[in-house]
Amino acid sequence: MFKLVFFVPESHVEAVKAAVFEAGAGKLGDYDSCAWQVLGQGQFRPLSGSNPFIGEQGQIERVPEYRVEMVCEEAALEGALGALLRAHPYEEPAYDVIQLVQLKR
């Protein structure tokens, strides 16, 4: 099992989550569409050669973004990452994939 964490502008949070859920992420036992999210502020500066969705080259931009976390089984991980990258408006979306350890209970 993995945890997928990504950062997405407020305007696209629901569309990106829907795409990643459709690809199989966010399933936990008898539940689906499971996620945790919190609103924060992202910061970046587009460099020469970039084509920013928000902001201008050479200028620091601060944007309301959501941090979204969800679990993802290994079998769905590649598809979920592909869906994330296709649905996300940024050229270079920030995301983490963290392998989880499941303890027996």
PDB file of N, CA and C in Angstrom:
ATOM      1  N   MET A   1       0.857  -1.177   0.000  1.00  0.00           N
ATOM      2  CA  MET A   1       0.000   0.000   0.000  1.00  0.00           C
ATOM      3  C   MET A   1       0.898   1.234   0.000  1.00  0.00           C
ATOM      4  N   PHE A   2       0.435   2.259  -0.688  1.00  0.00           N
ATOM      5  CA  PHE A   2       1.165   3.515  -0.794  1.00  0.00           C
ATOM      6  C   PHE A   2       0.259   4.667  -0.385  1.00  0.00           C
ATOM      7  N   LYS A   3       0.876   5.781  -0.037  1.00  0.00           N
ATOM      8  CA  LYS A   3       0.145   7.029   0.155  1.00  0.00           C
ATOM      9  C   LYS A   3       0.572   7.962  -0.953  1.00  0.00           C
ATOM     10  N   LEU A   4      -0.404   8.504  -1.663  1.00  0.00           N
ATOM     11  CA  LEU A   4      -0.166   9.487  -2.703  1.00  0.00           C
ATOM     12  C   LEU A   4      -0.524  10.854  -2.134  1.00  0.00           C
ATOM     13  N   VAL A   5       0.423  11.775  -2.195  1.00  0.00           N
ATOM     14  CA  VAL A   5       0.238  13.135  -1.693  1.00  0.00           C
ATOM     15  C   VAL A   5       0.497  14.078  -2.860  1.00  0.00           C
ATOM     16  N   PHE A   6      -0.430  15.000  -3.106  1.00  0.00           N
ATOM     17  CA  PHE A   6      -0.196  15.971  -4.173  1.00  0.00           C
ATOM     18  C   PHE A   6      -0.741  17.332  -3.783  1.00  0.00           C
ATOM     19  N   PHE A   7      -0.253  18.325  -4.495  1.00  0.00           N
ATOM     20  CA  PHE A   7      -0.603  19.719  -4.244  1.00  0.00           C
ATOM     21  C   PHE A   7      -1.255  20.253  -5.513  1.00  0.00           C
ATOM     22  N   VAL A   8      -2.423  20.870  -5.358  1.00  0.00           N
ATOM     23  CA  VAL A   8      -3.203  21.280  -6.525  1.00  0.00           C
ATOM     24  C   VAL A   8      -3.899  22.603  -6.225  1.00  0.00           C
ATOM     25  N   PRO A   9      -3.954  23.513  -7.223  1.00  0.00           N
ATOM     26  CA  PRO A   9      -4.631  24.782  -6.962  1.00  0.00           C
ATOM     27  C   PRO A   9      -6.107  24.560  -6.639  1.00  0.00           C
ATOM     28  N   GLU A  10      -6.618  25.442  -5.831  1.00  0.00           N
ATOM     29  CA  GLU A  10      -7.999  25.371  -5.356  1.00  0.00           C
ATOM     30  C   GLU A  10      -8.986  25.159  -6.506  1.00  0.00           C
ATOM     31  N   SER A  11      -8.720  25.790  -7.640  1.00  0.00           N
ATOM     32  CA  SER A  11      -9.635  25.728  -8.781  1.00  0.00           C
ATOM     33  C   SER A  11      -9.761  24.332  -9.379  1.00  0.00           C
ATOM     34  N   HIS A  12      -8.792  23.437  -9.138  1.00  0.00           N
ATOM     35  CA  HIS A  12      -8.784  22.131  -9.795  1.00  0.00           C
ATOM     36  C   HIS A  12      -8.810  20.947  -8.825  1.00  0.00           C
ATOM     37  N   VAL A  13      -8.993  21.219  -7.536  1.00  0.00           N
ATOM     38  CA  VAL A  13      -8.882  20.130  -6.555  1.00  0.00           C
ATOM     39  C   VAL A  13      -9.903  19.022  -6.797  1.00  0.00           C
ATOM     40  N   GLU A  14     -11.147  19.357  -7.064  1.00  0.00           N
ATOM     41  CA  GLU A  14     -12.171  18.318  -7.232  1.00  0.00           C
ATOM     42  C   GLU A  14     -11.971  17.530  -8.521  1.00  0.00           C
ATOM     43  N   ALA A  15     -11.581  18.185  -9.605  1.00  0.00           N
ATOM     44  CA  ALA A  15     -11.366  17.486 -10.877  1.00  0.00           C
ATOM     45  C   ALA A  15     -10.180  16.527 -10.785  1.00  0.00           C
ATOM     46  N   VAL A  16      -9.103  16.951 -10.139  1.00  0.00           N
ATOM     47  CA  VAL A  16      -7.931  16.086 -10.017  1.00  0.00           C
ATOM     48  C   VAL A  16      -8.246  14.902  -9.101  1.00  0.00           C
ATOM     49  N   LYS A  17      -8.909  15.161  -7.976  1.00  0.00           N
ATOM     50  CA  LYS A  17      -9.297  14.048  -7.095  1.00  0.00           C
ATOM     51  C   LYS A  17     -10.168  13.050  -7.842  1.00  0.00           C
ATOM     52  N   ALA A  18     -11.148  13.520  -8.596  1.00  0.00           N
ATOM     53  CA  ALA A  18     -12.051  12.627  -9.328  1.00  0.00           C
ATOM     54  C   ALA A  18     -11.274  11.751 -10.307  1.00  0.00           C
ATOM     55  N   ALA A  19     -10.304  12.324 -11.009  1.00  0.00           N
ATOM     56  CA  ALA A  19      -9.509  11.554 -11.966  1.00  0.00           C
ATOM     57  C   ALA A  19      -8.687  10.481 -11.265  1.00  0.00           C
ATOM     58  N   VAL A  20      -8.089  10.831 -10.133  1.00  0.00           N
ATOM     59  CA  VAL A  20      -7.251   9.879  -9.405  1.00  0.00           C
ATOM     60  C   VAL A  20      -8.117   8.785  -8.769  1.00  0.00           C
ATOM     61  N   PHE A  21      -9.282   9.157  -8.241  1.00  0.00           N
ATOM     62  CA  PHE A  21     -10.210   8.146  -7.718  1.00  0.00           C
ATOM     63  C   PHE A  21     -10.647   7.190  -8.819  1.00  0.00           C
ATOM     64  N   GLU A  22     -10.963   7.722  -9.988  1.00  0.00           N
ATOM     65  CA  GLU A  22     -11.411   6.898 -11.123  1.00  0.00           C
ATOM     66  C   GLU A  22     -10.334   5.891 -11.521  1.00  0.00           C
ATOM     67  N   ALA A  23      -9.068   6.267 -11.323  1.00  0.00           N
ATOM     68  CA  ALA A  23      -7.949   5.381 -11.653  1.00  0.00           C
ATOM     69  C   ALA A  23      -7.689   4.334 -10.574  1.00  0.00           C
ATOM     70  N   GLY A  24      -8.419   4.390  -9.453  1.00  0.00           N
ATOM     71  CA  GLY A  24      -8.317   3.344  -8.442  1.00  0.00           C
ATOM     72  C   GLY A  24      -7.708   3.739  -7.118  1.00  0.00           C
ATOM     73  N   ALA A  25      -7.256   4.971  -6.972  1.00  0.00           N
ATOM     74  CA  ALA A  25      -6.716   5.399  -5.684  1.00  0.00           C
ATOM     75  C   ALA A  25      -7.852   5.762  -4.733  1.00  0.00           C
ATOM     76  N   GLY A  26      -7.540   5.850  -3.455  1.00  0.00           N
ATOM     77  CA  GLY A  26      -8.520   6.276  -2.461  1.00  0.00           C
ATOM     78  C   GLY A  26      -9.452   5.188  -1.977  1.00  0.00           C
ATOM     79  N   LYS A  27      -9.073   3.922  -2.159  1.00  0.00           N
ATOM     80  CA  LYS A  27      -9.896   2.805  -1.686  1.00  0.00           C
ATOM     81  C   LYS A  27      -9.314   2.265  -0.396  1.00  0.00           C
ATOM     82  N   LEU A  28     -10.175   2.117   0.589  1.00  0.00           N
ATOM     83  CA  LEU A  28      -9.759   1.615   1.893  1.00  0.00           C
ATOM     84  C   LEU A  28     -10.848   0.691   2.411  1.00  0.00           C
ATOM     85  N   GLY A  29     -10.577  -0.601   2.400  1.00  0.00           N
ATOM     86  CA  GLY A  29     -11.588  -1.570   2.838  1.00  0.00           C
ATOM     87  C   GLY A  29     -12.836  -1.466   1.985  1.00  0.00           C
ATOM     88  N   ASP A  30     -13.986  -1.278   2.628  1.00  0.00           N
ATOM     89  CA  ASP A  30     -15.265  -1.181   1.933  1.00  0.00           C
ATOM     90  C   ASP A  30     -15.639   0.253   1.589  1.00  0.00           C
ATOM     91  N   TYR A  31     -14.654   1.132   1.449  1.00  0.00           N
ATOM     92  CA  TYR A  31     -14.889   2.539   1.128  1.00  0.00           C
ATOM     93  C   TYR A  31     -14.062   2.932  -0.086  1.00  0.00           C
ATOM     94  N   ASP A  32     -14.577   3.892  -0.834  1.00  0.00           N
ATOM     95  CA  ASP A  32     -13.773   4.486  -1.893  1.00  0.00           C
ATOM     96  C   ASP A  32     -13.891   6.004  -1.817  1.00  0.00           C
ATOM     97  N   SER A  33     -13.184   6.692  -2.683  1.00  0.00           N
ATOM     98  CA  SER A  33     -13.137   8.163  -2.690  1.00  0.00           C
ATOM     99  C   SER A  33     -12.660   8.718  -1.343  1.00  0.00           C
ATOM    100  N   CYS A  34     -11.751   7.985  -0.693  1.00  0.00           N
ATOM    101  CA  CYS A  34     -11.221   8.401   0.603  1.00  0.00           C
ATOM    102  C   CYS A  34     -10.019   9.331   0.390  1.00  0.00           C
ATOM    103  N   ALA A  35     -10.039  10.469   1.054  1.00  0.00           N
ATOM    104  CA  ALA A  35      -8.926  11.415   0.958  1.00  0.00           C
ATOM    105  C   ALA A  35      -8.947  12.324   2.173  1.00  0.00           C
ATOM    106  N   TRP A  36      -7.827  12.944   2.398  1.00  0.00           N
ATOM    107  CA  TRP A  36      -7.700  13.996   3.406  1.00  0.00           C
ATOM    108  C   TRP A  36      -7.082  15.173   2.680  1.00  0.00           C
ATOM    109  N   GLN A  37      -7.572  16.376   2.980  1.00  0.00           N
ATOM    110  CA  GLN A  37      -7.037  17.556   2.308  1.00  0.00           C
ATOM    111  C   GLN A  37      -7.044  18.744   3.254  1.00  0.00           C
ATOM    112  N   VAL A  38      -6.120  19.657   2.978  1.00  0.00           N
ATOM    113  CA  VAL A  38      -6.027  20.883   3.758  1.00  0.00           C
ATOM    114  C   VAL A  38      -5.573  21.994   2.821  1.00  0.00           C
ATOM    115  N   LEU A  39      -6.124  23.177   3.014  1.00  0.00           N
ATOM    116  CA  LEU A  39      -5.771  24.334   2.198  1.00  0.00           C
ATOM    117  C   LEU A  39      -4.536  25.018   2.770  1.00  0.00           C
ATOM    118  N   GLY A  40      -3.621  25.352   1.902  1.00  0.00           N
ATOM    119  CA  GLY A  40      -2.409  26.063   2.292  1.00  0.00           C
ATOM    120  C   GLY A  40      -1.987  27.006   1.180  1.00  0.00           C
ATOM    121  N   GLN A  41      -0.738  27.393   1.212  1.00  0.00           N
ATOM    122  CA  GLN A  41      -0.224  28.324   0.203  1.00  0.00           C
ATOM    123  C   GLN A  41       1.021  27.732  -0.447  1.00  0.00           C
ATOM    124  N   GLY A  42       0.958  27.551  -1.757  1.00  0.00           N
ATOM    125  CA  GLY A  42       2.108  27.082  -2.518  1.00  0.00           C
ATOM    126  C   GLY A  42       2.893  28.271  -3.042  1.00  0.00           C
ATOM    127  N   GLN A  43       4.173  28.042  -3.301  1.00  0.00           N
ATOM    128  CA  GLN A  43       5.033  29.098  -3.832  1.00  0.00           C
ATOM    129  C   GLN A  43       5.938  28.503  -4.899  1.00  0.00           C
ATOM    130  N   PHE A  44       6.146  29.250  -5.989  1.00  0.00           N
ATOM    131  CA  PHE A  44       7.051  28.815  -7.054  1.00  0.00           C
ATOM    132  C   PHE A  44       7.431  30.017  -7.903  1.00  0.00           C
ATOM    133  N   ARG A  45       8.509  29.844  -8.677  1.00  0.00           N
ATOM    134  CA  ARG A  45       8.913  30.860  -9.639  1.00  0.00           C
ATOM    135  C   ARG A  45       9.155  30.159 -10.969  1.00  0.00           C
ATOM    136  N   PRO A  46       8.331  30.426 -11.976  1.00  0.00           N
ATOM    137  CA  PRO A  46       8.550  29.834 -13.296  1.00  0.00           C
ATOM    138  C   PRO A  46       9.866  30.348 -13.897  1.00  0.00           C
ATOM    139  N   LEU A  47      10.673  29.432 -14.400  1.00  0.00           N
ATOM    140  CA  LEU A  47      11.958  29.788 -14.993  1.00  0.00           C
ATOM    141  C   LEU A  47      11.841  29.880 -16.514  1.00  0.00           C
ATOM    142  N   SER A  48      12.893  30.342 -17.142  1.00  0.00           N
ATOM    143  CA  SER A  48      12.941  30.448 -18.593  1.00  0.00           C
ATOM    144  C   SER A  48      12.640  29.089 -19.218  1.00  0.00           C
ATOM    145  N   GLY A  49      11.789  29.079 -20.231  1.00  0.00           N
ATOM    146  CA  GLY A  49      11.408  27.835 -20.887  1.00  0.00           C
ATOM    147  C   GLY A  49      10.131  27.234 -20.338  1.00  0.00           C
ATOM    148  N   SER A  50       9.651  27.737 -19.215  1.00  0.00           N
ATOM    149  CA  SER A  50       8.415  27.208 -18.631  1.00  0.00           C
ATOM    150  C   SER A  50       7.204  27.821 -19.330  1.00  0.00           C
ATOM    151  N   ASN A  51       6.081  27.149 -19.145  1.00  0.00           N
ATOM    152  CA  ASN A  51       4.798  27.640 -19.652  1.00  0.00           C
ATOM    153  C   ASN A  51       3.815  27.559 -18.487  1.00  0.00           C
ATOM    154  N   PRO A  52       3.899  28.505 -17.558  1.00  0.00           N
ATOM    155  CA  PRO A  52       3.118  28.377 -16.314  1.00  0.00           C
ATOM    156  C   PRO A  52       1.614  28.535 -16.521  1.00  0.00           C
ATOM    157  N   PHE A  53       0.867  27.699 -15.811  1.00  0.00           N
ATOM    158  CA  PHE A  53      -0.593  27.808 -15.768  1.00  0.00           C
ATOM    159  C   PHE A  53      -0.987  29.065 -15.003  1.00  0.00           C
ATOM    160  N   ILE A  54      -0.224  29.360 -13.949  1.00  0.00           N
ATOM    161  CA  ILE A  54      -0.420  30.542 -13.110  1.00  0.00           C
ATOM    162  C   ILE A  54       0.924  31.248 -12.994  1.00  0.00           C
ATOM    163  N   GLY A  55       0.932  32.560 -13.079  1.00  0.00           N
ATOM    164  CA  GLY A  55       2.157  33.327 -12.863  1.00  0.00           C
ATOM    165  C   GLY A  55       2.901  33.642 -14.143  1.00  0.00           C
ATOM    166  N   GLU A  56       4.047  34.304 -13.967  1.00  0.00           N
ATOM    167  CA  GLU A  56       4.882  34.722 -15.080  1.00  0.00           C
ATOM    168  C   GLU A  56       6.320  34.298 -14.839  1.00  0.00           C
ATOM    169  N   GLN A  57       7.040  34.033 -15.915  1.00  0.00           N
ATOM    170  CA  GLN A  57       8.443  33.649 -15.795  1.00  0.00           C
ATOM    171  C   GLN A  57       9.211  34.701 -15.000  1.00  0.00           C
ATOM    172  N   GLY A  58      10.041  34.210 -14.088  1.00  0.00           N
ATOM    173  CA  GLY A  58      10.910  35.081 -13.309  1.00  0.00           C
ATOM    174  C   GLY A  58      10.266  35.733 -12.100  1.00  0.00           C
ATOM    175  N   GLN A  59       8.985  35.549 -11.906  1.00  0.00           N
ATOM    176  CA  GLN A  59       8.256  36.174 -10.790  1.00  0.00           C
ATOM    177  C   GLN A  59       7.804  35.106  -9.787  1.00  0.00           C
ATOM    178  N   ILE A  60       8.076  35.328  -8.514  1.00  0.00           N
ATOM    179  CA  ILE A  60       7.594  34.407  -7.485  1.00  0.00           C
ATOM    180  C   ILE A  60       6.077  34.541  -7.386  1.00  0.00           C
ATOM    181  N   GLU A  61       5.426  33.408  -7.368  1.00  0.00           N
ATOM    182  CA  GLU A  61       3.962  33.343  -7.302  1.00  0.00           C
ATOM    183  C   GLU A  61       3.558  32.580  -6.047  1.00  0.00           C
ATOM    184  N   ARG A  62       2.555  33.076  -5.366  1.00  0.00           N
ATOM    185  CA  ARG A  62       1.976  32.384  -4.203  1.00  0.00           C
ATOM    186  C   ARG A  62       0.521  32.109  -4.525  1.00  0.00           C
ATOM    187  N   VAL A  63       0.107  30.851  -4.331  1.00  0.00           N
ATOM    188  CA  VAL A  63      -1.191  30.384  -4.799  1.00  0.00           C
ATOM    189  C   VAL A  63      -1.882  29.568  -3.715  1.00  0.00           C
ATOM    190  N   PRO A  64      -3.188  29.780  -3.491  1.00  0.00           N
ATOM    191  CA  PRO A  64      -3.919  28.870  -2.610  1.00  0.00           C
ATOM    192  C   PRO A  64      -3.947  27.469  -3.241  1.00  0.00           C
ATOM    193  N   GLU A  65      -3.409  26.505  -2.534  1.00  0.00           N
ATOM    194  CA  GLU A  65      -3.361  25.127  -3.031  1.00  0.00           C
ATOM    195  C   GLU A  65      -3.817  24.173  -1.925  1.00  0.00           C
ATOM    196  N   TYR A  66      -4.376  23.062  -2.356  1.00  0.00           N
ATOM    197  CA  TYR A  66      -4.710  21.998  -1.424  1.00  0.00           C
ATOM    198  C   TYR A  66      -3.621  20.945  -1.412  1.00  0.00           C
ATOM    199  N   ARG A  67      -3.309  20.454  -0.233  1.00  0.00           N
ATOM    200  CA  ARG A  67      -2.506  19.248  -0.066  1.00  0.00           C
ATOM    201  C   ARG A  67      -3.527  18.129   0.072  1.00  0.00           C
ATOM    202  N   VAL A  68      -3.469  17.169  -0.810  1.00  0.00           N
ATOM    203  CA  VAL A  68      -4.418  16.055  -0.821  1.00  0.00           C
ATOM    204  C   VAL A  68      -3.635  14.773  -0.588  1.00  0.00           C
ATOM    205  N   GLU A  69      -4.136  13.939   0.327  1.00  0.00           N
ATOM    206  CA  GLU A  69      -3.507  12.654   0.631  1.00  0.00           C
ATOM    207  C   GLU A  69      -4.541  11.554   0.456  1.00  0.00           C
ATOM    208  N   MET A  70      -4.096  10.439  -0.131  1.00  0.00           N
ATOM    209  CA  MET A  70      -4.972   9.272  -0.251  1.00  0.00           C
ATOM    210  C   MET A  70      -4.127   8.014  -0.357  1.00  0.00           C
ATOM    211  N   VAL A  71      -4.692   6.897   0.047  1.00  0.00           N
ATOM    212  CA  VAL A  71      -3.992   5.629  -0.095  1.00  0.00           C
ATOM    213  C   VAL A  71      -4.185   5.111  -1.512  1.00  0.00           C
ATOM    214  N   CYS A  72      -3.272   4.241  -1.900  1.00  0.00           N
ATOM    215  CA  CYS A  72      -3.349   3.661  -3.241  1.00  0.00           C
ATOM    216  C   CYS A  72      -2.661   2.302  -3.224  1.00  0.00           C
ATOM    217  N   GLU A  73      -3.361   1.287  -3.674  1.00  0.00           N
ATOM    218  CA  GLU A  73      -2.748  -0.035  -3.780  1.00  0.00           C
ATOM    219  C   GLU A  73      -1.731  -0.036  -4.903  1.00  0.00           C
ATOM    220  N   GLU A  74      -0.718  -0.874  -4.773  1.00  0.00           N
ATOM    221  CA  GLU A  74       0.360  -0.901  -5.762  1.00  0.00           C
ATOM    222  C   GLU A  74      -0.156  -1.143  -7.178  1.00  0.00           C
ATOM    223  N   ALA A  75      -1.145  -1.996  -7.329  1.00  0.00           N
ATOM    224  CA  ALA A  75      -1.682  -2.314  -8.655  1.00  0.00           C
ATOM    225  C   ALA A  75      -2.302  -1.099  -9.343  1.00  0.00           C
ATOM    226  N   ALA A  76      -2.759  -0.116  -8.580  1.00  0.00           N
ATOM    227  CA  ALA A  76      -3.409   1.068  -9.152  1.00  0.00           C
ATOM    228  C   ALA A  76      -2.477   2.273  -9.227  1.00  0.00           C
ATOM    229  N   LEU A  77      -1.270   2.143  -8.690  1.00  0.00           N
ATOM    230  CA  LEU A  77      -0.398   3.305  -8.539  1.00  0.00           C
ATOM    231  C   LEU A  77      -0.005   3.942  -9.872  1.00  0.00           C
ATOM    232  N   GLU A  78       0.422   3.170 -10.830  1.00  0.00           N
ATOM    233  CA  GLU A  78       0.839   3.732 -12.118  1.00  0.00           C
ATOM    234  C   GLU A  78      -0.318   4.461 -12.798  1.00  0.00           C
ATOM    235  N   GLY A  79      -1.500   3.866 -12.791  1.00  0.00           N
ATOM    236  CA  GLY A  79      -2.668   4.509 -13.389  1.00  0.00           C
ATOM    237  C   GLY A  79      -3.075   5.767 -12.651  1.00  0.00           C
ATOM    238  N   ALA A  80      -2.973   5.738 -11.321  1.00  0.00           N
ATOM    239  CA  ALA A  80      -3.333   6.914 -10.523  1.00  0.00           C
ATOM    240  C   ALA A  80      -2.375   8.073 -10.800  1.00  0.00           C
ATOM    241  N   LEU A  81      -1.083   7.771 -10.917  1.00  0.00           N
ATOM    242  CA  LEU A  81      -0.108   8.823 -11.229  1.00  0.00           C
ATOM    243  C   LEU A  81      -0.349   9.389 -12.625  1.00  0.00           C
ATOM    244  N   GLY A  82      -0.652   8.531 -13.578  1.00  0.00           N
ATOM    245  CA  GLY A  82      -0.964   9.002 -14.925  1.00  0.00           C
ATOM    246  C   GLY A  82      -2.184   9.906 -14.933  1.00  0.00           C
ATOM    247  N   ALA A  83      -3.217   9.515 -14.196  1.00  0.00           N
ATOM    248  CA  ALA A  83      -4.437  10.326 -14.107  1.00  0.00           C
ATOM    249  C   ALA A  83      -4.146  11.673 -13.446  1.00  0.00           C
ATOM    250  N   LEU A  84      -3.331  11.649 -12.396  1.00  0.00           N
ATOM    251  CA  LEU A  84      -2.944  12.886 -11.719  1.00  0.00           C
ATOM    252  C   LEU A  84      -2.258  13.838 -12.694  1.00  0.00           C
ATOM    253  N   LEU A  85      -1.286  13.329 -13.430  1.00  0.00           N
ATOM    254  CA  LEU A  85      -0.522  14.180 -14.346  1.00  0.00           C
ATOM    255  C   LEU A  85      -1.382  14.702 -15.493  1.00  0.00           C
ATOM    256  N   ARG A  86      -2.323  13.912 -15.978  1.00  0.00           N
ATOM    257  CA  ARG A  86      -3.202  14.362 -17.064  1.00  0.00           C
ATOM    258  C   ARG A  86      -4.217  15.397 -16.591  1.00  0.00           C
ATOM    259  N   ALA A  87      -4.726  15.251 -15.381  1.00  0.00           N
ATOM    260  CA  ALA A  87      -5.790  16.134 -14.884  1.00  0.00           C
ATOM    261  C   ALA A  87      -5.262  17.419 -14.256  1.00  0.00           C
ATOM    262  N   HIS A  88      -4.023  17.400 -13.818  1.00  0.00           N
ATOM    263  CA  HIS A  88      -3.451  18.543 -13.101  1.00  0.00           C
ATOM    264  C   HIS A  88      -3.116  19.672 -14.076  1.00  0.00           C
ATOM    265  N   PRO A  89      -3.414  20.913 -13.722  1.00  0.00           N
ATOM    266  CA  PRO A  89      -3.153  22.010 -14.660  1.00  0.00           C
ATOM    267  C   PRO A  89      -1.686  22.438 -14.749  1.00  0.00           C
ATOM    268  N   TYR A  90      -0.862  22.078 -13.775  1.00  0.00           N
ATOM    269  CA  TYR A  90       0.537  22.523 -13.774  1.00  0.00           C
ATOM    270  C   TYR A  90       1.393  21.666 -14.710  1.00  0.00           C
ATOM    271  N   GLU A  91       2.426  22.283 -15.288  1.00  0.00           N
ATOM    272  CA  GLU A  91       3.407  21.550 -16.091  1.00  0.00           C
ATOM    273  C   GLU A  91       4.162  20.538 -15.243  1.00  0.00           C
ATOM    274  N   GLU A  92       4.503  20.937 -14.019  1.00  0.00           N
ATOM    275  CA  GLU A  92       5.309  20.118 -13.112  1.00  0.00           C
ATOM    276  C   GLU A  92       4.599  19.994 -11.764  1.00  0.00           C
ATOM    277  N   PRO A  93       3.559  19.159 -11.675  1.00  0.00           N
ATOM    278  CA  PRO A  93       2.860  19.030 -10.394  1.00  0.00           C
ATOM    279  C   PRO A  93       3.783  18.446  -9.320  1.00  0.00           C
ATOM    280  N   ALA A  94       3.646  18.950  -8.110  1.00  0.00           N
ATOM    281  CA  ALA A  94       4.395  18.416  -6.971  1.00  0.00           C
ATOM    282  C   ALA A  94       3.587  17.280  -6.359  1.00  0.00           C
ATOM    283  N   TYR A  95       4.245  16.130  -6.194  1.00  0.00           N
ATOM    284  CA  TYR A  95       3.574  14.994  -5.561  1.00  0.00           C
ATOM    285  C   TYR A  95       4.612  14.102  -4.904  1.00  0.00           C
ATOM    286  N   ASP A  96       4.155  13.309  -3.941  1.00  0.00           N
ATOM    287  CA  ASP A  96       4.981  12.324  -3.252  1.00  0.00           C
ATOM    288  C   ASP A  96       4.270  10.986  -3.302  1.00  0.00           C
ATOM    289  N   VAL A  97       5.055   9.929  -3.381  1.00  0.00           N
ATOM    290  CA  VAL A  97       4.552   8.565  -3.251  1.00  0.00           C
ATOM    291  C   VAL A  97       5.322   7.942  -2.094  1.00  0.00           C
ATOM    292  N   ILE A  98       4.590   7.542  -1.076  1.00  0.00           N
ATOM    293  CA  ILE A  98       5.202   7.025   0.150  1.00  0.00           C
ATOM    294  C   ILE A  98       4.730   5.589   0.364  1.00  0.00           C
ATOM    295  N   GLN A  99       5.670   4.663   0.467  1.00  0.00           N
ATOM    296  CA  GLN A  99       5.300   3.277   0.733  1.00  0.00           C
ATOM    297  C   GLN A  99       4.937   3.140   2.211  1.00  0.00           C
ATOM    298  N   LEU A 100       3.814   2.505   2.476  1.00  0.00           N
ATOM    299  CA  LEU A 100       3.327   2.340   3.844  1.00  0.00           C
ATOM    300  C   LEU A 100       3.651   0.946   4.370  1.00  0.00           C
ATOM    301  N   VAL A 101       3.862   0.854   5.654  1.00  0.00           N
ATOM    302  CA  VAL A 101       4.045  -0.417   6.324  1.00  0.00           C
ATOM    303  C   VAL A 101       2.733  -0.745   7.023  1.00  0.00           C
ATOM    304  N   GLN A 102       2.197  -1.912   6.732  1.00  0.00           N
ATOM    305  CA  GLN A 102       0.952  -2.313   7.380  1.00  0.00           C
ATOM    306  C   GLN A 102       1.265  -3.322   8.473  1.00  0.00           C
ATOM    307  N   LEU A 103       0.911  -2.957   9.694  1.00  0.00           N
ATOM    308  CA  LEU A 103       1.132  -3.829  10.833  1.00  0.00           C
ATOM    309  C   LEU A 103      -0.075  -4.725  11.036  1.00  0.00           C
ATOM    310  N   LYS A 104       0.163  -5.926  11.454  1.00  0.00           N
ATOM    311  CA  LYS A 104      -0.949  -6.840  11.748  1.00  0.00           C
ATOM    312  C   LYS A 104      -1.597  -6.415  13.040  1.00  0.00           C
ATOM    313  N   ARG A 105      -2.909  -6.463  13.070  1.00  0.00           N
ATOM    314  CA  ARG A 105      -3.611  -6.120  14.308  1.00  0.00           C
ATOM    315  C   ARG A 105      -4.527  -7.205  14.727  1.00  0.00           C
TER     316      ARG A 105
END
